[in-house]
Amino acid sequence: MTQSKTARKSVRDYIRTIPDFPEPGIMFRDVTTLFADPRGFRICIDQLLDPFADQRFDKVAALEARGFIMGGAIAHQLNVGFVPIRKKGKLPGDTLSEDYKLEYGEATMEVHNDALEAGEKVLLVDDLLATGGTAEAGVKLCERLGAEIVGCAFIIDLPDLGGRKRLEGLGLRVEALCAFEGD
């Protein structure tokens, strides 16, 4: 049975895989092809919001850099504010910092210290959930400002790397549109 041209594509169908990037053995899941397609991008944003349809949010917080693309669109759709969580040294004002471990070394994420108010309900978004280190740093920053993370939304989950379990272990609701086994 062949798929017709009018068959519905899933978000996963819009994601390109680039072998051996950024190093040999890595299968890079490239969401830029999803973002470039207006239908794919609309499906992505709608589906990211669908599991949270019964929730109220005050802000959307997104992780640098591809998370900003979705985060801005989601915040617009929800008519709420947008909070960028950036790599160290990229924000101009007073910030809070959170260190986290990478596979080889450490990194730091930052947020403006006035980006969230105590009690605000936040949806945290990013394109990819791998080990969960970056997302956990983002969660901790939001919580240090007194906000409540209501949920975490990702386009892609790499379940073999354990990020979902890590975030769920913190008591967080985690949603992803698709998963790719392996790395």
Protein backbone atom coordinates (compact mmCIF):
# COMPACT_ATOMS: atom_id res chain seq x y z
CA MET A 1 0.00 0.00 0.00
CA THR A 2 1.48 3.33 -0.99
CA GLN A 3 1.05 6.52 0.96
CA SER A 4 -0.91 9.15 -0.92
CA LYS A 5 0.32 12.72 -1.23
CA THR A 6 -2.55 13.87 0.94
CA ALA A 7 -1.77 11.45 3.80
CA ARG A 8 -1.21 13.22 7.10
CA LYS A 9 2.41 13.61 8.06
CA SER A 10 3.48 13.34 11.66
CA VAL A 11 5.95 15.69 13.31
CA ARG A 12 8.54 12.93 13.10
CA ASP A 13 8.15 12.90 9.29
CA TYR A 14 9.41 16.50 9.13
CA ILE A 15 12.60 15.80 11.13
CA ARG A 16 15.74 15.11 9.17
CA THR A 17 18.44 12.77 10.51
CA ILE A 18 22.04 13.66 9.75
CA PRO A 19 24.47 10.80 10.42
CA ASP A 20 27.87 11.43 12.01
CA PHE A 21 27.16 14.98 13.19
CA PRO A 22 28.72 16.59 15.17
CA GLU A 23 31.00 13.55 15.41
CA PRO A 24 31.14 10.01 14.04
CA GLY A 25 28.48 7.69 15.42
CA ILE A 26 26.00 10.44 16.33
CA MET A 27 22.65 10.54 14.55
CA PHE A 28 21.73 14.25 14.70
CA ARG A 29 17.98 14.89 14.74
CA ASP A 30 17.56 18.14 12.82
CA VAL A 31 14.37 20.07 13.57
CA THR A 32 15.19 22.94 11.21
CA THR A 33 13.37 21.05 8.46
CA LEU A 34 10.30 20.93 10.72
CA PHE A 35 10.55 24.66 11.47
CA ALA A 36 10.97 25.48 7.76
CA ASP A 37 7.67 23.87 6.79
CA PRO A 38 4.67 26.03 7.76
CA ARG A 39 2.33 23.04 8.11
CA GLY A 40 4.87 21.03 10.06
CA PHE A 41 5.62 23.94 12.37
CA ARG A 42 1.90 24.55 13.02
CA ILE A 43 1.34 20.84 13.75
CA CYS A 44 4.30 20.90 16.12
CA ILE A 45 3.11 23.90 18.13
CA ASP A 46 -0.48 22.64 18.29
CA GLN A 47 0.60 19.17 19.38
CA LEU A 48 3.00 20.52 22.01
CA LEU A 49 0.12 22.45 23.57
CA ASP A 50 -2.53 19.74 23.25
CA PRO A 51 -1.56 17.73 26.39
CA PHE A 52 -1.72 20.93 28.43
CA ALA A 53 -5.08 22.16 27.12
CA ASP A 54 -6.58 22.06 30.62
CA GLN A 55 -3.68 23.97 32.21
CA ARG A 56 -3.18 27.67 32.81
CA PHE A 57 0.25 29.20 32.29
CA ASP A 58 1.65 32.60 33.14
CA LYS A 59 4.89 32.20 31.18
CA VAL A 60 6.68 29.95 28.74
CA ALA A 61 10.35 29.39 29.52
CA ALA A 62 12.54 28.04 26.74
CA LEU A 63 16.07 26.71 26.58
CA GLU A 64 18.65 28.12 24.19
CA ALA A 65 18.68 27.97 21.24
CA ARG A 66 16.12 25.97 19.26
CA GLY A 67 13.77 26.05 22.23
CA PHE A 68 13.41 29.79 21.64
CA ILE A 69 11.78 29.16 18.26
CA MET A 70 9.03 27.01 19.75
CA GLY A 71 8.85 28.94 23.00
CA GLY A 72 8.08 32.21 21.26
CA ALA A 73 5.37 30.63 19.14
CA ILE A 74 3.83 28.85 22.13
CA ALA A 75 3.88 32.00 24.28
CA HIS A 76 2.17 33.88 21.44
CA GLN A 77 -0.45 31.15 21.09
CA LEU A 78 -1.13 31.18 24.86
CA ASN A 79 -0.98 34.98 25.10
CA VAL A 80 1.59 34.80 27.91
CA GLY A 81 5.11 36.09 28.45
CA PHE A 82 8.28 34.41 27.21
CA VAL A 83 11.37 33.75 29.35
CA PRO A 84 14.67 32.88 27.65
CA ILE A 85 17.02 30.60 29.57
CA ARG A 86 20.43 31.14 28.04
CA LYS A 87 23.98 29.94 28.17
CA LYS A 88 26.23 31.76 30.59
CA GLY A 89 27.21 35.29 29.61
CA LYS A 90 24.45 35.88 27.03
CA LEU A 91 21.96 37.86 29.14
CA PRO A 92 22.67 41.56 29.78
CA GLY A 93 21.04 42.10 33.20
CA ASP A 94 21.39 40.60 36.65
CA THR A 95 21.04 36.84 36.41
CA LEU A 96 20.78 33.64 38.38
CA SER A 97 23.06 30.82 37.26
CA GLU A 98 22.77 27.05 37.43
CA ASP A 99 25.64 24.71 36.62
CA TYR A 100 24.98 21.28 35.15
CA LYS A 101 27.02 18.37 33.91
CA LEU A 102 27.57 17.51 30.29
CA GLU A 103 28.88 14.20 28.97
CA TYR A 104 32.35 15.77 29.06
CA GLY A 105 32.56 18.69 31.46
CA GLU A 106 30.15 21.28 32.80
CA ALA A 107 28.06 24.14 31.48
CA THR A 108 25.98 26.94 32.98
CA MET A 109 22.51 28.24 32.17
CA GLU A 110 21.23 31.65 33.25
CA VAL A 111 17.97 33.53 33.55
CA HIS A 112 17.30 37.16 34.43
CA ASN A 113 16.65 37.38 38.16
CA ASP A 114 13.40 39.27 37.52
CA ALA A 115 12.08 37.03 34.71
CA LEU A 116 9.53 35.23 36.86
CA GLU A 117 7.48 36.04 39.92
CA ALA A 118 6.73 33.75 42.83
CA GLY A 119 3.73 31.55 42.10
CA GLU A 120 3.79 31.94 38.33
CA LYS A 121 2.96 28.77 36.42
CA VAL A 122 5.49 27.92 33.72
CA LEU A 123 5.68 25.60 30.73
CA LEU A 124 9.31 24.71 29.97
CA VAL A 125 10.06 23.89 26.31
CA ASP A 126 12.97 22.73 24.21
CA ASP A 127 13.43 20.85 20.97
CA LEU A 128 15.23 17.77 22.33
CA LEU A 129 15.35 15.84 25.59
CA ALA A 130 18.54 13.81 25.89
CA THR A 131 20.16 13.40 29.33
CA GLY A 132 17.93 16.08 30.85
CA GLY A 133 20.79 18.11 32.31
CA THR A 134 19.97 21.34 30.49
CA ALA A 135 16.25 20.98 31.20
CA GLU A 136 16.89 20.27 34.87
CA ALA A 137 19.06 23.39 35.09
CA GLY A 138 16.19 25.38 33.53
CA VAL A 139 13.71 23.89 35.99
CA LYS A 140 15.94 24.75 38.95
CA LEU A 141 16.36 28.34 37.76
CA CYS A 142 12.61 28.82 37.43
CA GLU A 143 11.98 27.25 40.83
CA ARG A 144 14.66 29.42 42.46
CA LEU A 145 12.65 32.43 41.26
CA GLY A 146 9.57 30.97 42.97
CA ALA A 147 7.78 29.78 39.83
CA GLU A 148 6.05 26.43 39.45
CA ILE A 149 6.91 24.24 36.47
CA VAL A 150 3.54 22.84 35.38
CA GLY A 151 5.03 20.78 32.57
CA CYS A 152 7.93 20.23 30.20
CA ALA A 153 7.35 19.88 26.44
CA PHE A 154 9.82 18.62 23.87
CA ILE A 155 9.63 17.76 20.20
CA ILE A 156 12.04 14.82 20.49
CA ASP A 157 12.83 12.43 23.33
CA LEU A 158 15.93 10.25 23.21
CA PRO A 159 14.75 7.73 25.81
CA ASP A 160 17.98 5.74 25.91
CA LEU A 161 19.75 8.79 27.40
CA GLY A 162 17.42 8.97 30.41
CA GLY A 163 16.27 12.59 30.38
CA ARG A 164 12.56 11.81 30.72
CA LYS A 165 13.20 9.59 33.76
CA ARG A 166 15.41 12.27 35.27
CA LEU A 167 12.74 14.97 34.96
CA GLU A 168 9.90 12.67 36.01
CA GLY A 169 12.03 11.78 39.03
CA LEU A 170 11.75 15.45 40.00
CA GLY A 171 7.95 15.08 39.91
CA LEU A 172 7.57 16.85 36.57
CA ARG A 173 5.09 16.14 33.80
CA VAL A 174 7.04 15.47 30.60
CA GLU A 175 5.55 15.39 27.11
CA ALA A 176 7.35 14.71 23.82
CA LEU A 177 5.95 14.48 20.31
CA CYS A 178 8.20 11.66 19.16
CA ALA A 179 11.08 9.48 20.30
CA PHE A 180 14.16 8.15 18.58
CA GLU A 181 15.83 5.09 20.07
CA GLY A 182 19.61 5.23 20.39
CA ASP A 183 21.40 8.55 20.42
